[in-house]
Amino acid sequence: MRKACIELVAPTKTALLLAGDLGTGQCLHMVVFPNNVDTMPTTEQWLRAYKRCEQKAAELKYEVTRVRGRRLAGL
């Protein structure tokens, strides 16, 4: 099975599903939060974005081997 990495990025308010064990491949899926400068997404919103990336990985037949920024989602 192909490997993928999920990266939760607080400064850009995005959750990314990246190809490759280290996340060095192409972007397979991206979840972008509204760019409201004043508010940061909640832990629940990060968790939902993480789960969406996980579901997309399963659809594309990728195995998620690494999660960066897992603290944002409370993992």
N, C-alpha and C. Protein backbone atom coordinates (compact mmCIF):
# COMPACT_ATOMS: atom_id res chain seq x y z
N MET A 1 0.85 -1.18 0.00
CA MET A 1 0.00 0.00 0.00
C MET A 1 0.89 1.24 0.00
N ARG A 2 0.46 2.27 -0.69
CA ARG A 2 1.22 3.52 -0.75
C ARG A 2 1.11 4.24 0.59
N LYS A 3 2.11 5.02 0.90
CA LYS A 3 2.14 5.72 2.18
C LYS A 3 1.85 7.20 1.99
N ALA A 4 1.28 7.79 3.05
CA ALA A 4 0.94 9.21 3.02
C ALA A 4 1.15 9.82 4.40
N CYS A 5 1.17 11.13 4.43
CA CYS A 5 1.38 11.89 5.67
C CYS A 5 0.27 12.93 5.76
N ILE A 6 -0.28 13.12 6.96
CA ILE A 6 -1.25 14.19 7.20
C ILE A 6 -0.52 15.28 7.97
N GLU A 7 -0.66 16.52 7.50
CA GLU A 7 -0.01 17.64 8.17
C GLU A 7 -1.05 18.70 8.51
N LEU A 8 -1.13 19.05 9.79
CA LEU A 8 -2.01 20.12 10.25
C LEU A 8 -1.15 21.36 10.47
N VAL A 9 -1.44 22.43 9.74
CA VAL A 9 -0.58 23.62 9.75
C VAL A 9 -1.37 24.80 10.32
N ALA A 10 -1.00 25.22 11.53
CA ALA A 10 -1.72 26.29 12.21
C ALA A 10 -1.57 27.65 11.54
N PRO A 11 -0.37 28.10 11.16
CA PRO A 11 -0.25 29.44 10.58
C PRO A 11 -1.09 29.66 9.31
N THR A 12 -1.21 28.64 8.49
CA THR A 12 -2.00 28.78 7.26
C THR A 12 -3.41 28.22 7.40
N LYS A 13 -3.72 27.64 8.55
CA LYS A 13 -5.03 27.07 8.86
C LYS A 13 -5.46 26.07 7.79
N THR A 14 -4.57 25.09 7.54
CA THR A 14 -4.86 24.06 6.55
C THR A 14 -4.53 22.68 7.10
N ALA A 15 -5.21 21.69 6.57
CA ALA A 15 -4.90 20.29 6.85
C ALA A 15 -4.60 19.66 5.49
N LEU A 16 -3.45 19.01 5.39
CA LEU A 16 -2.98 18.49 4.11
C LEU A 16 -2.79 16.99 4.16
N LEU A 17 -3.15 16.31 3.10
CA LEU A 17 -2.82 14.91 2.91
C LEU A 17 -1.75 14.89 1.83
N LEU A 18 -0.55 14.47 2.21
CA LEU A 18 0.59 14.51 1.31
C LEU A 18 1.08 13.10 1.01
N ALA A 19 1.42 12.85 -0.23
CA ALA A 19 1.94 11.54 -0.63
C ALA A 19 3.34 11.36 -0.06
N GLY A 20 3.69 10.12 0.25
CA GLY A 20 5.01 9.79 0.76
C GLY A 20 5.03 9.68 2.27
N ASP A 21 5.89 8.82 2.77
CA ASP A 21 6.00 8.58 4.20
C ASP A 21 6.37 9.85 4.96
N LEU A 22 7.23 10.66 4.37
CA LEU A 22 7.67 11.89 5.02
C LEU A 22 6.90 13.11 4.55
N GLY A 23 5.92 12.90 3.68
CA GLY A 23 5.12 14.01 3.19
C GLY A 23 5.84 14.84 2.15
N THR A 24 6.75 14.22 1.41
CA THR A 24 7.53 14.96 0.42
C THR A 24 6.95 14.87 -0.98
N GLY A 25 5.86 14.13 -1.13
CA GLY A 25 5.23 13.98 -2.44
C GLY A 25 4.20 15.06 -2.70
N GLN A 26 3.35 14.80 -3.68
CA GLN A 26 2.35 15.80 -4.06
C GLN A 26 1.22 15.87 -3.04
N CYS A 27 0.52 16.98 -3.07
CA CYS A 27 -0.64 17.18 -2.20
C CYS A 27 -1.82 16.42 -2.79
N LEU A 28 -2.38 15.51 -2.01
CA LEU A 28 -3.49 14.68 -2.47
C LEU A 28 -4.84 15.27 -2.10
N HIS A 29 -4.88 16.00 -0.99
CA HIS A 29 -6.14 16.59 -0.51
C HIS A 29 -5.80 17.73 0.45
N MET A 30 -6.63 18.78 0.42
CA MET A 30 -6.39 19.93 1.29
C MET A 30 -7.70 20.41 1.88
N VAL A 31 -7.68 20.66 3.19
CA VAL A 31 -8.83 21.26 3.88
C VAL A 31 -8.37 22.62 4.37
N VAL A 32 -9.08 23.67 3.95
CA VAL A 32 -8.70 25.04 4.30
C VAL A 32 -9.79 25.64 5.17
N PHE A 33 -9.38 26.20 6.31
CA PHE A 33 -10.32 26.88 7.19
C PHE A 33 -10.49 28.32 6.71
N PRO A 34 -11.63 28.95 7.01
CA PRO A 34 -11.81 30.36 6.65
C PRO A 34 -10.67 31.19 7.22
N ASN A 35 -10.18 32.11 6.43
CA ASN A 35 -9.02 32.91 6.84
C ASN A 35 -9.45 34.12 7.65
N ASN A 36 -10.01 33.87 8.82
CA ASN A 36 -10.34 34.94 9.75
C ASN A 36 -9.12 35.13 10.65
N VAL A 37 -8.50 36.27 10.57
CA VAL A 37 -7.23 36.52 11.26
C VAL A 37 -7.38 36.44 12.77
N ASP A 38 -8.53 36.81 13.30
CA ASP A 38 -8.70 36.90 14.74
C ASP A 38 -8.89 35.56 15.44
N THR A 39 -9.48 34.59 14.76
CA THR A 39 -9.81 33.34 15.44
C THR A 39 -9.01 32.17 14.89
N MET A 40 -8.67 31.28 15.79
CA MET A 40 -7.98 30.05 15.44
C MET A 40 -9.02 28.93 15.46
N PRO A 41 -8.95 27.97 14.53
CA PRO A 41 -9.91 26.85 14.55
C PRO A 41 -9.84 26.10 15.88
N THR A 42 -10.96 25.57 16.30
CA THR A 42 -11.02 24.82 17.56
C THR A 42 -10.44 23.43 17.38
N THR A 43 -10.22 22.76 18.49
CA THR A 43 -9.71 21.39 18.46
C THR A 43 -10.66 20.47 17.70
N GLU A 44 -11.97 20.68 17.87
CA GLU A 44 -12.96 19.87 17.17
C GLU A 44 -12.89 20.08 15.66
N GLN A 45 -12.67 21.32 15.23
CA GLN A 45 -12.55 21.61 13.80
C GLN A 45 -11.29 20.96 13.21
N TRP A 46 -10.19 21.01 13.95
CA TRP A 46 -8.97 20.36 13.50
C TRP A 46 -9.17 18.85 13.40
N LEU A 47 -9.88 18.28 14.37
CA LEU A 47 -10.13 16.85 14.37
C LEU A 47 -10.99 16.44 13.16
N ARG A 48 -12.01 17.24 12.84
CA ARG A 48 -12.84 16.96 11.67
C ARG A 48 -12.02 17.03 10.38
N ALA A 49 -11.13 18.02 10.29
CA ALA A 49 -10.27 18.15 9.11
C ALA A 49 -9.33 16.96 9.01
N TYR A 50 -8.80 16.51 10.14
CA TYR A 50 -7.92 15.34 10.17
C TYR A 50 -8.67 14.11 9.68
N LYS A 51 -9.90 13.93 10.17
CA LYS A 51 -10.69 12.76 9.77
C LYS A 51 -11.05 12.80 8.29
N ARG A 52 -11.29 14.00 7.75
CA ARG A 52 -11.56 14.13 6.32
C ARG A 52 -10.34 13.69 5.50
N CYS A 53 -9.16 14.10 5.95
CA CYS A 53 -7.93 13.70 5.27
C CYS A 53 -7.73 12.18 5.38
N GLU A 54 -8.03 11.64 6.53
CA GLU A 54 -7.91 10.19 6.73
C GLU A 54 -8.87 9.42 5.80
N GLN A 55 -10.09 9.92 5.66
CA GLN A 55 -11.06 9.28 4.78
C GLN A 55 -10.62 9.36 3.32
N LYS A 56 -10.08 10.50 2.93
CA LYS A 56 -9.61 10.66 1.56
C LYS A 56 -8.44 9.72 1.28
N ALA A 57 -7.57 9.53 2.27
CA ALA A 57 -6.45 8.60 2.11
C ALA A 57 -6.98 7.19 1.87
N ALA A 58 -8.00 6.79 2.60
CA ALA A 58 -8.58 5.46 2.42
C ALA A 58 -9.21 5.32 1.03
N GLU A 59 -9.90 6.38 0.56
CA GLU A 59 -10.49 6.35 -0.77
C GLU A 59 -9.43 6.19 -1.85
N LEU A 60 -8.30 6.86 -1.67
CA LEU A 60 -7.23 6.83 -2.66
C LEU A 60 -6.28 5.64 -2.46
N LYS A 61 -6.59 4.82 -1.45
CA LYS A 61 -5.80 3.63 -1.12
C LYS A 61 -4.38 3.98 -0.68
N TYR A 62 -4.31 4.93 0.24
CA TYR A 62 -3.05 5.30 0.88
C TYR A 62 -3.12 4.91 2.35
N GLU A 63 -1.99 4.56 2.91
CA GLU A 63 -1.88 4.27 4.34
C GLU A 63 -1.22 5.48 5.00
N VAL A 64 -1.89 6.06 5.99
CA VAL A 64 -1.32 7.21 6.71
C VAL A 64 -0.31 6.69 7.73
N THR A 65 0.94 7.06 7.55
CA THR A 65 2.01 6.57 8.42
C THR A 65 2.53 7.63 9.37
N ARG A 66 2.20 8.89 9.11
CA ARG A 66 2.73 9.96 9.94
C ARG A 66 1.72 11.10 10.01
N VAL A 67 1.61 11.74 11.19
CA VAL A 67 0.73 12.89 11.36
C VAL A 67 1.56 13.99 12.01
N ARG A 68 1.65 15.10 11.30
CA ARG A 68 2.38 16.25 11.85
C ARG A 68 1.36 17.26 12.38
N GLY A 69 1.64 17.87 13.50
CA GLY A 69 0.72 18.84 14.10
C GLY A 69 -0.44 18.19 14.80
N ARG A 70 -0.25 16.96 15.25
CA ARG A 70 -1.34 16.19 15.87
C ARG A 70 -1.91 16.86 17.12
N ARG A 71 -1.14 17.69 17.79
CA ARG A 71 -1.64 18.35 19.02
C ARG A 71 -2.80 19.29 18.72
N LEU A 72 -2.84 19.86 17.52
CA LEU A 72 -3.93 20.75 17.16
C LEU A 72 -5.27 20.04 17.19
N ALA A 73 -5.27 18.75 16.84
CA ALA A 73 -6.50 17.96 16.83
C ALA A 73 -6.72 17.20 18.12
N GLY A 74 -5.84 17.38 19.07
CA GLY A 74 -5.98 16.70 20.36
C GLY A 74 -5.65 15.22 20.29
N LEU A 75 -4.82 14.83 19.35
CA LEU A 75 -4.45 13.41 19.19
C LEU A 75 -3.26 13.05 20.05
